[in-house]
All heavy atoms as atom14 arrays in JSON, in Angstrom:
{
  "sequence": "RQAPGRQRELVATITRAGAVNYGNSMKGQFTISRDNAKNTI",
  "atom14_mask": [
    [1, 1, 1, 1, 1, 1, 1, 1, 1, 1, 1, 0, 0, 0],
    [1, 1, 1, 1, 1, 1, 1, 1, 1, 0, 0, 0, 0, 0],
    [1, 1, 1, 1, 1, 0, 0, 0, 0, 0, 0, 0, 0, 0],
    [1, 1, 1, 1, 1, 1, 1, 0, 0, 0, 0, 0, 0, 0],
    [1, 1, 1, 1, 0, 0, 0, 0, 0, 0, 0, 0, 0, 0],
    [1, 1, 1, 1, 1, 1, 1, 1, 1, 1, 1, 0, 0, 0],
    [1, 1, 1, 1, 1, 1, 1, 1, 1, 0, 0, 0, 0, 0],
    [1, 1, 1, 1, 1, 1, 1, 1, 1, 1, 1, 0, 0, 0],
    [1, 1, 1, 1, 1, 1, 1, 1, 1, 0, 0, 0, 0, 0],
    [1, 1, 1, 1, 1, 1, 1, 1, 0, 0, 0, 0, 0, 0],
    [1, 1, 1, 1, 1, 1, 1, 0, 0, 0, 0, 0, 0, 0],
    [1, 1, 1, 1, 1, 0, 0, 0, 0, 0, 0, 0, 0, 0],
    [1, 1, 1, 1, 1, 1, 1, 0, 0, 0, 0, 0, 0, 0],
    [1, 1, 1, 1, 1, 1, 1, 1, 0, 0, 0, 0, 0, 0],
    [1, 1, 1, 1, 1, 1, 1, 0, 0, 0, 0, 0, 0, 0],
    [1, 1, 1, 1, 1, 1, 1, 1, 1, 1, 1, 0, 0, 0],
    [1, 1, 1, 1, 1, 0, 0, 0, 0, 0, 0, 0, 0, 0],
    [1, 1, 1, 1, 0, 0, 0, 0, 0, 0, 0, 0, 0, 0],
    [1, 1, 1, 1, 1, 0, 0, 0, 0, 0, 0, 0, 0, 0],
    [1, 1, 1, 1, 1, 1, 1, 0, 0, 0, 0, 0, 0, 0],
    [1, 1, 1, 1, 1, 1, 1, 1, 0, 0, 0, 0, 0, 0],
    [1, 1, 1, 1, 1, 1, 1, 1, 1, 1, 1, 1, 0, 0],
    [1, 1, 1, 1, 0, 0, 0, 0, 0, 0, 0, 0, 0, 0],
    [1, 1, 1, 1, 1, 1, 1, 1, 0, 0, 0, 0, 0, 0],
    [1, 1, 1, 1, 1, 1, 0, 0, 0, 0, 0, 0, 0, 0],
    [1, 1, 1, 1, 1, 1, 1, 1, 0, 0, 0, 0, 0, 0],
    [1, 1, 1, 1, 1, 1, 1, 1, 1, 0, 0, 0, 0, 0],
    [1, 1, 1, 1, 0, 0, 0, 0, 0, 0, 0, 0, 0, 0],
    [1, 1, 1, 1, 1, 1, 1, 1, 1, 0, 0, 0, 0, 0],
    [1, 1, 1, 1, 1, 1, 1, 1, 1, 1, 1, 0, 0, 0],
    [1, 1, 1, 1, 1, 1, 1, 0, 0, 0, 0, 0, 0, 0],
    [1, 1, 1, 1, 1, 1, 1, 1, 0, 0, 0, 0, 0, 0],
    [1, 1, 1, 1, 1, 1, 0, 0, 0, 0, 0, 0, 0, 0],
    [1, 1, 1, 1, 1, 1, 1, 1, 1, 1, 1, 0, 0, 0],
    [1, 1, 1, 1, 1, 1, 1, 1, 0, 0, 0, 0, 0, 0],
    [1, 1, 1, 1, 1, 1, 1, 1, 0, 0, 0, 0, 0, 0],
    [1, 1, 1, 1, 1, 0, 0, 0, 0, 0, 0, 0, 0, 0],
    [1, 1, 1, 1, 1, 1, 1, 1, 1, 0, 0, 0, 0, 0],
    [1, 1, 1, 1, 1, 1, 1, 1, 0, 0, 0, 0, 0, 0],
    [1, 1, 1, 1, 1, 1, 1, 0, 0, 0, 0, 0, 0, 0],
    [1, 1, 1, 1, 1, 1, 1, 1, 0, 0, 0, 0, 0, 0]
  ],
  "atom14_positions": [
    [[31.03, -19.53, -74.29], [29.64, -19.86, -73.97], [28.71, -18.79, -74.56], [29.12, -17.63, -74.75], [29.4, -19.99, -72.47], [29.53, -18.68, -71.69], [29.35, -18.94, -70.21], [29.39, -17.71, -69.43], [29.33, -17.67, -68.09], [29.24, -18.8, -67.4], [29.38, -16.5, -67.49], [0.0, 0.0, 0.0], [0.0, 0.0, 0.0], [0.0, 0.0, 0.0]],
    [[27.5, -19.2, -74.83], [26.5, -18.29, -75.35], [25.19, -18.54, -74.63], [24.6, -19.61, -74.75], [26.31, -18.44, -76.87], [25.41, -17.39, -77.47], [25.46, -17.36, -78.97], [25.87, -18.33, -79.61], [25.11, -16.23, -79.53], [0.0, 0.0, 0.0], [0.0, 0.0, 0.0], [0.0, 0.0, 0.0], [0.0, 0.0, 0.0], [0.0, 0.0, 0.0]],
    [[24.8, -17.53, -73.87], [23.53, -17.59, -73.15], [22.42, -17.07, -74.06], [22.67, -16.3, -74.98], [23.61, -16.77, -71.87], [0.0, 0.0, 0.0], [0.0, 0.0, 0.0], [0.0, 0.0, 0.0], [0.0, 0.0, 0.0], [0.0, 0.0, 0.0], [0.0, 0.0, 0.0], [0.0, 0.0, 0.0], [0.0, 0.0, 0.0], [0.0, 0.0, 0.0]],
    [[21.19, -17.47, -73.79], [20.05, -16.98, -74.62], [20.03, -15.48, -74.71], [20.09, -14.79, -73.68], [18.84, -17.54, -73.9], [19.35, -18.73, -73.14], [20.74, -18.39, -72.72], [0.0, 0.0, 0.0], [0.0, 0.0, 0.0], [0.0, 0.0, 0.0], [0.0, 0.0, 0.0], [0.0, 0.0, 0.0], [0.0, 0.0, 0.0], [0.0, 0.0, 0.0]],
    [[19.95, -14.98, -75.94], [19.84, -13.55, -76.13], [21.12, -12.77, -75.92], [21.09, -11.53, -75.92], [0.0, 0.0, 0.0], [0.0, 0.0, 0.0], [0.0, 0.0, 0.0], [0.0, 0.0, 0.0], [0.0, 0.0, 0.0], [0.0, 0.0, 0.0], [0.0, 0.0, 0.0], [0.0, 0.0, 0.0], [0.0, 0.0, 0.0], [0.0, 0.0, 0.0]],
    [[22.24, -13.46, -75.76], [23.5, -12.78, -75.51], [24.54, -13.22, -76.53], [24.43, -14.24, -77.19], [23.99, -13.07, -74.09], [23.01, -12.67, -73.01], [23.62, -12.73, -71.64], [24.69, -11.76, -71.48], [25.31, -11.56, -70.32], [25.03, -12.28, -69.27], [26.27, -10.64, -70.25], [0.0, 0.0, 0.0], [0.0, 0.0, 0.0], [0.0, 0.0, 0.0]],
    [[25.58, -12.41, -76.66], [26.67, -12.76, -77.55], [27.54, -13.85, -76.96], [27.61, -14.01, -75.74], [27.52, -11.5, -77.83], [26.85, -10.47, -78.72], [27.78, -9.38, -79.17], [28.77, -9.09, -78.5], [27.51, -8.78, -80.33], [0.0, 0.0, 0.0], [0.0, 0.0, 0.0], [0.0, 0.0, 0.0], [0.0, 0.0, 0.0], [0.0, 0.0, 0.0]],
    [[28.17, -14.59, -77.81], [29.11, -15.6, -77.37], [30.28, -14.92, -76.64], [30.78, -13.91, -77.1], [29.61, -16.42, -78.56], [30.34, -17.71, -78.19], [30.59, -18.5, -79.46], [29.35, -19.03, -79.99], [29.24, -19.59, -81.2], [30.31, -19.69, -81.95], [28.08, -20.08, -81.61], [0.0, 0.0, 0.0], [0.0, 0.0, 0.0], [0.0, 0.0, 0.0]],
    [[30.71, -15.49, -75.53], [31.82, -14.91, -74.77], [32.88, -15.96, -74.49], [32.59, -17.14, -74.4], [31.31, -14.28, -73.47], [30.72, -15.26, -72.49], [30.34, -14.62, -71.14], [30.92, -13.57, -70.81], [29.47, -15.18, -70.47], [0.0, 0.0, 0.0], [0.0, 0.0, 0.0], [0.0, 0.0, 0.0], [0.0, 0.0, 0.0], [0.0, 0.0, 0.0]],
    [[34.07, -15.48, -74.33], [35.19, -16.35, -74.06], [35.24, -16.63, -72.53], [35.24, -15.7, -71.73], [36.5, -15.7, -74.5], [37.77, -16.51, -74.32], [37.73, -17.8, -75.12], [38.97, -15.67, -74.79], [0.0, 0.0, 0.0], [0.0, 0.0, 0.0], [0.0, 0.0, 0.0], [0.0, 0.0, 0.0], [0.0, 0.0, 0.0], [0.0, 0.0, 0.0]],
    [[35.31, -17.89, -72.19], [35.3, -18.29, -70.78], [36.71, -18.5, -70.25], [37.05, -17.97, -69.18], [34.48, -19.59, -70.59], [34.57, -20.12, -69.18], [33.02, -19.37, -70.98], [0.0, 0.0, 0.0], [0.0, 0.0, 0.0], [0.0, 0.0, 0.0], [0.0, 0.0, 0.0], [0.0, 0.0, 0.0], [0.0, 0.0, 0.0], [0.0, 0.0, 0.0]],
    [[37.48, -19.25, -71.0], [38.83, -19.59, -70.52], [39.66, -20.06, -71.71], [39.13, -20.58, -72.69], [38.78, -20.7, -69.47], [0.0, 0.0, 0.0], [0.0, 0.0, 0.0], [0.0, 0.0, 0.0], [0.0, 0.0, 0.0], [0.0, 0.0, 0.0], [0.0, 0.0, 0.0], [0.0, 0.0, 0.0], [0.0, 0.0, 0.0], [0.0, 0.0, 0.0]],
    [[40.98, -19.89, -71.6], [41.88, -20.33, -72.64], [43.04, -21.11, -72.02], [43.37, -20.93, -70.86], [42.47, -19.17, -73.45], [43.32, -18.37, -72.6], [41.36, -18.28, -73.99], [0.0, 0.0, 0.0], [0.0, 0.0, 0.0], [0.0, 0.0, 0.0], [0.0, 0.0, 0.0], [0.0, 0.0, 0.0], [0.0, 0.0, 0.0], [0.0, 0.0, 0.0]],
    [[43.65, -21.97, -72.87], [44.8, -22.73, -72.41], [45.72, -22.98, -73.59], [45.27, -23.32, -74.69], [44.35, -24.06, -71.74], [45.57, -24.78, -71.13], [43.59, -24.94, -72.7], [45.18, -25.9, -70.17], [0.0, 0.0, 0.0], [0.0, 0.0, 0.0], [0.0, 0.0, 0.0], [0.0, 0.0, 0.0], [0.0, 0.0, 0.0], [0.0, 0.0, 0.0]],
    [[47.01, -22.78, -73.38], [47.98, -23.05, -74.43], [48.39, -24.51, -74.38], [48.09, -25.23, -73.41], [49.23, -22.17, -74.25], [49.95, -22.62, -73.08], [48.89, -20.71, -74.11], [0.0, 0.0, 0.0], [0.0, 0.0, 0.0], [0.0, 0.0, 0.0], [0.0, 0.0, 0.0], [0.0, 0.0, 0.0], [0.0, 0.0, 0.0], [0.0, 0.0, 0.0]],
    [[49.12, -24.92, -75.38], [49.6, -26.31, -75.4], [50.5, -26.57, -74.22], [50.57, -27.7, -73.72], [50.32, -26.6, -76.72], [50.59, -28.07, -76.97], [51.24, -28.28, -78.32], [50.3, -28.1, -79.4], [50.51, -27.34, -80.47], [51.64, -26.66, -80.59], [49.63, -27.25, -81.42], [0.0, 0.0, 0.0], [0.0, 0.0, 0.0], [0.0, 0.0, 0.0]],
    [[51.19, -25.56, -73.75], [52.09, -25.7, -72.62], [51.38, -25.66, -71.26], [52.01, -25.9, -70.23], [53.17, -24.62, -72.65], [0.0, 0.0, 0.0], [0.0, 0.0, 0.0], [0.0, 0.0, 0.0], [0.0, 0.0, 0.0], [0.0, 0.0, 0.0], [0.0, 0.0, 0.0], [0.0, 0.0, 0.0], [0.0, 0.0, 0.0], [0.0, 0.0, 0.0]],
    [[50.09, -25.3, -71.29], [49.31, -25.31, -70.05], [49.08, -23.94, -69.42], [48.52, -23.87, -68.33], [0.0, 0.0, 0.0], [0.0, 0.0, 0.0], [0.0, 0.0, 0.0], [0.0, 0.0, 0.0], [0.0, 0.0, 0.0], [0.0, 0.0, 0.0], [0.0, 0.0, 0.0], [0.0, 0.0, 0.0], [0.0, 0.0, 0.0], [0.0, 0.0, 0.0]],
    [[49.52, -22.87, -70.08], [49.24, -21.56, -69.53], [47.76, -21.24, -69.72], [47.2, -21.45, -70.79], [50.1, -20.51, -70.23], [0.0, 0.0, 0.0], [0.0, 0.0, 0.0], [0.0, 0.0, 0.0], [0.0, 0.0, 0.0], [0.0, 0.0, 0.0], [0.0, 0.0, 0.0], [0.0, 0.0, 0.0], [0.0, 0.0, 0.0], [0.0, 0.0, 0.0]],
    [[47.15, -20.71, -68.66], [45.7, -20.52, -68.68], [45.33, -19.05, -68.45], [46.07, -18.3, -67.81], [44.98, -21.41, -67.62], [45.28, -22.87, -67.9], [45.4, -21.02, -66.24], [0.0, 0.0, 0.0], [0.0, 0.0, 0.0], [0.0, 0.0, 0.0], [0.0, 0.0, 0.0], [0.0, 0.0, 0.0], [0.0, 0.0, 0.0], [0.0, 0.0, 0.0]],
    [[44.17, -18.68, -68.95], [43.57, -17.4, -68.69], [42.06, -17.58, -68.59], [41.49, -18.45, -69.26], [43.89, -16.4, -69.79], [45.17, -15.64, -69.53], [45.29, -14.92, -68.54], [46.14, -15.82, -70.38], [0.0, 0.0, 0.0], [0.0, 0.0, 0.0], [0.0, 0.0, 0.0], [0.0, 0.0, 0.0], [0.0, 0.0, 0.0], [0.0, 0.0, 0.0]],
    [[41.44, -16.73, -67.79], [40.02, -16.84, -67.56], [39.33, -15.49, -67.86], [39.92, -14.43, -67.66], [39.71, -17.24, -66.14], [40.24, -18.63, -65.82], [41.5, -18.81, -65.27], [39.47, -19.74, -66.11], [41.99, -20.09, -65.0], [39.94, -21.04, -65.84], [41.2, -21.2, -65.32], [41.66, -22.45, -65.07], [0.0, 0.0, 0.0], [0.0, 0.0, 0.0]],
    [[38.06, -15.59, -68.24], [37.27, -14.39, -68.42], [36.97, -13.75, -67.07], [37.19, -14.34, -66.0], [0.0, 0.0, 0.0], [0.0, 0.0, 0.0], [0.0, 0.0, 0.0], [0.0, 0.0, 0.0], [0.0, 0.0, 0.0], [0.0, 0.0, 0.0], [0.0, 0.0, 0.0], [0.0, 0.0, 0.0], [0.0, 0.0, 0.0], [0.0, 0.0, 0.0]],
    [[36.47, -12.51, -67.17], [36.15, -11.78, -65.94], [35.19, -12.56, -65.07], [34.25, -13.14, -65.54], [35.5, -10.43, -66.31], [36.5, -9.51, -66.97], [37.7, -9.64, -66.78], [35.98, -8.57, -67.76], [0.0, 0.0, 0.0], [0.0, 0.0, 0.0], [0.0, 0.0, 0.0], [0.0, 0.0, 0.0], [0.0, 0.0, 0.0], [0.0, 0.0, 0.0]],
    [[35.46, -12.64, -63.82], [34.64, -13.24, -62.77], [34.58, -14.77, -62.84], [33.9, -15.41, -62.07], [33.21, -12.68, -62.79], [32.47, -13.24, -63.87], [0.0, 0.0, 0.0], [0.0, 0.0, 0.0], [0.0, 0.0, 0.0], [0.0, 0.0, 0.0], [0.0, 0.0, 0.0], [0.0, 0.0, 0.0], [0.0, 0.0, 0.0], [0.0, 0.0, 0.0]],
    [[35.31, -15.38, -63.78], [35.26, -16.84, -63.9], [36.39, -17.54, -63.2], [36.33, -18.72, -62.92], [35.22, -17.23, -65.36], [33.98, -16.68, -66.06], [34.02, -16.86, -67.83], [32.61, -15.87, -68.33], [0.0, 0.0, 0.0], [0.0, 0.0, 0.0], [0.0, 0.0, 0.0], [0.0, 0.0, 0.0], [0.0, 0.0, 0.0], [0.0, 0.0, 0.0]],
    [[37.47, -16.78, -62.93], [38.61, -17.37, -62.26], [38.18, -17.78, -60.85], [37.55, -17.01, -60.15], [39.76, -16.4, -62.21], [41.07, -16.99, -61.69], [42.18, -16.01, -61.8], [43.52, -16.62, -61.36], [44.63, -15.63, -61.46], [0.0, 0.0, 0.0], [0.0, 0.0, 0.0], [0.0, 0.0, 0.0], [0.0, 0.0, 0.0], [0.0, 0.0, 0.0]],
    [[38.55, -18.99, -60.47], [38.16, -19.49, -59.17], [36.9, -20.35, -59.22], [36.7, -21.18, -58.35], [0.0, 0.0, 0.0], [0.0, 0.0, 0.0], [0.0, 0.0, 0.0], [0.0, 0.0, 0.0], [0.0, 0.0, 0.0], [0.0, 0.0, 0.0], [0.0, 0.0, 0.0], [0.0, 0.0, 0.0], [0.0, 0.0, 0.0], [0.0, 0.0, 0.0]],
    [[36.08, -20.13, -60.18], [34.88, -20.94, -60.35], [35.08, -22.03, -61.39], [34.58, -23.14, -61.27], [33.7, -20.06, -60.73], [32.39, -20.83, -60.82], [31.25, -20.02, -61.39], [31.43, -18.88, -61.8], [30.07, -20.6, -61.46], [0.0, 0.0, 0.0], [0.0, 0.0, 0.0], [0.0, 0.0, 0.0], [0.0, 0.0, 0.0], [0.0, 0.0, 0.0]],
    [[35.78, -21.67, -62.48], [36.05, -22.59, -63.57], [37.53, -22.93, -63.63], [38.38, -22.11, -63.33], [35.66, -21.96, -64.91], [34.15, -21.7, -65.06], [33.72, -20.91, -66.09], [33.24, -22.24, -64.2], [32.35, -20.64, -66.28], [31.87, -22.01, -64.35], [31.45, -21.2, -65.4], [0.0, 0.0, 0.0], [0.0, 0.0, 0.0], [0.0, 0.0, 0.0]],
    [[37.82, -24.14, -64.04], [39.21, -24.59, -64.25], [39.32, -25.26, -65.6], [38.63, -26.23, -65.86], [39.67, -25.55, -63.15], [39.53, -24.93, -61.87], [41.16, -25.94, -63.35], [0.0, 0.0, 0.0], [0.0, 0.0, 0.0], [0.0, 0.0, 0.0], [0.0, 0.0, 0.0], [0.0, 0.0, 0.0], [0.0, 0.0, 0.0], [0.0, 0.0, 0.0]],
    [[40.18, -24.72, -66.45], [40.41, -25.31, -67.77], [41.68, -26.16, -67.72], [42.64, -25.81, -67.02], [40.52, -24.21, -68.86], [40.55, -24.84, -70.25], [41.71, -23.31, -68.61], [40.42, -23.8, -71.37], [0.0, 0.0, 0.0], [0.0, 0.0, 0.0], [0.0, 0.0, 0.0], [0.0, 0.0, 0.0], [0.0, 0.0, 0.0], [0.0, 0.0, 0.0]],
    [[41.68, -27.26, -68.42], [42.83, -28.13, -68.5], [42.84, -28.8, -69.87], [41.84, -28.73, -70.59], [42.84, -29.17, -67.37], [41.68, -29.97, -67.43], [0.0, 0.0, 0.0], [0.0, 0.0, 0.0], [0.0, 0.0, 0.0], [0.0, 0.0, 0.0], [0.0, 0.0, 0.0], [0.0, 0.0, 0.0], [0.0, 0.0, 0.0], [0.0, 0.0, 0.0]],
    [[43.92, -29.44, -70.2], [43.99, -30.14, -71.48], [44.87, -31.38, -71.39], [45.79, -31.42, -70.57], [44.42, -29.22, -72.61], [45.85, -28.78, -72.62], [46.09, -27.69, -73.66], [46.11, -28.19, -75.03], [46.16, -27.41, -76.12], [46.12, -26.07, -75.97], [46.21, -27.93, -77.33], [0.0, 0.0, 0.0], [0.0, 0.0, 0.0], [0.0, 0.0, 0.0]],
    [[44.56, -32.33, -72.24], [45.37, -33.54, -72.4], [45.86, -33.54, -73.84], [45.08, -33.87, -74.75], [44.54, -34.77, -72.08], [45.34, -36.04, -72.11], [46.36, -36.11, -72.85], [44.97, -37.01, -71.42], [0.0, 0.0, 0.0], [0.0, 0.0, 0.0], [0.0, 0.0, 0.0], [0.0, 0.0, 0.0], [0.0, 0.0, 0.0], [0.0, 0.0, 0.0]],
    [[47.08, -33.13, -74.08], [47.6, -32.99, -75.42], [47.65, -34.34, -76.14], [47.46, -34.4, -77.36], [48.97, -32.35, -75.41], [48.93, -30.89, -74.97], [47.96, -30.21, -75.25], [49.97, -30.47, -74.28], [0.0, 0.0, 0.0], [0.0, 0.0, 0.0], [0.0, 0.0, 0.0], [0.0, 0.0, 0.0], [0.0, 0.0, 0.0], [0.0, 0.0, 0.0]],
    [[47.9, -35.39, -75.4], [47.96, -36.71, -76.04], [46.62, -37.12, -76.63], [46.55, -37.92, -77.56], [48.45, -37.75, -75.04], [0.0, 0.0, 0.0], [0.0, 0.0, 0.0], [0.0, 0.0, 0.0], [0.0, 0.0, 0.0], [0.0, 0.0, 0.0], [0.0, 0.0, 0.0], [0.0, 0.0, 0.0], [0.0, 0.0, 0.0], [0.0, 0.0, 0.0]],
    [[45.52, -36.6, -76.05], [44.2, -36.95, -76.48], [43.55, -35.83, -77.29], [42.36, -35.96, -77.65], [43.31, -37.31, -75.29], [43.8, -38.53, -74.51], [42.87, -38.81, -73.33], [43.32, -40.04, -72.56], [42.45, -40.3, -71.38], [0.0, 0.0, 0.0], [0.0, 0.0, 0.0], [0.0, 0.0, 0.0], [0.0, 0.0, 0.0], [0.0, 0.0, 0.0]],
    [[44.27, -34.74, -77.52], [43.66, -33.57, -78.2], [42.34, -33.17, -77.53], [41.36, -32.9, -78.22], [43.45, -33.85, -79.69], [44.75, -33.93, -80.46], [45.79, -33.46, -80.01], [44.67, -34.54, -81.61], [0.0, 0.0, 0.0], [0.0, 0.0, 0.0], [0.0, 0.0, 0.0], [0.0, 0.0, 0.0], [0.0, 0.0, 0.0], [0.0, 0.0, 0.0]],
    [[42.34, -33.17, -76.24], [41.13, -32.94, -75.47], [41.35, -31.81, -74.47], [42.4, -31.76, -73.81], [40.69, -34.2, -74.74], [40.46, -35.24, -75.7], [39.42, -33.95, -73.95], [0.0, 0.0, 0.0], [0.0, 0.0, 0.0], [0.0, 0.0, 0.0], [0.0, 0.0, 0.0], [0.0, 0.0, 0.0], [0.0, 0.0, 0.0], [0.0, 0.0, 0.0]],
    [[40.37, -30.93, -74.37], [40.4, -29.94, -73.3], [39.16, -30.13, -72.41], [38.18, -30.72, -72.85], [40.46, -28.5, -73.83], [39.2, -28.1, -74.58], [41.7, -28.27, -74.66], [39.09, -26.6, -74.87], [0.0, 0.0, 0.0], [0.0, 0.0, 0.0], [0.0, 0.0, 0.0], [0.0, 0.0, 0.0], [0.0, 0.0, 0.0], [0.0, 0.0, 0.0]]
  ]
}
C-alpha cells in the first residue's frame, strides 16, 4: 500500500503453499489468502 506522501510498504505476503507473513502492526487486522486455481489473492 501507498498512502499519500509516503513510500509504498509491504502489507502481507503469501506463498503458493499458503504460508503468510504480515507487516508490523497489521497481523490480526488484515488476512491474506489466495486461490491458486484462479491466480487470485
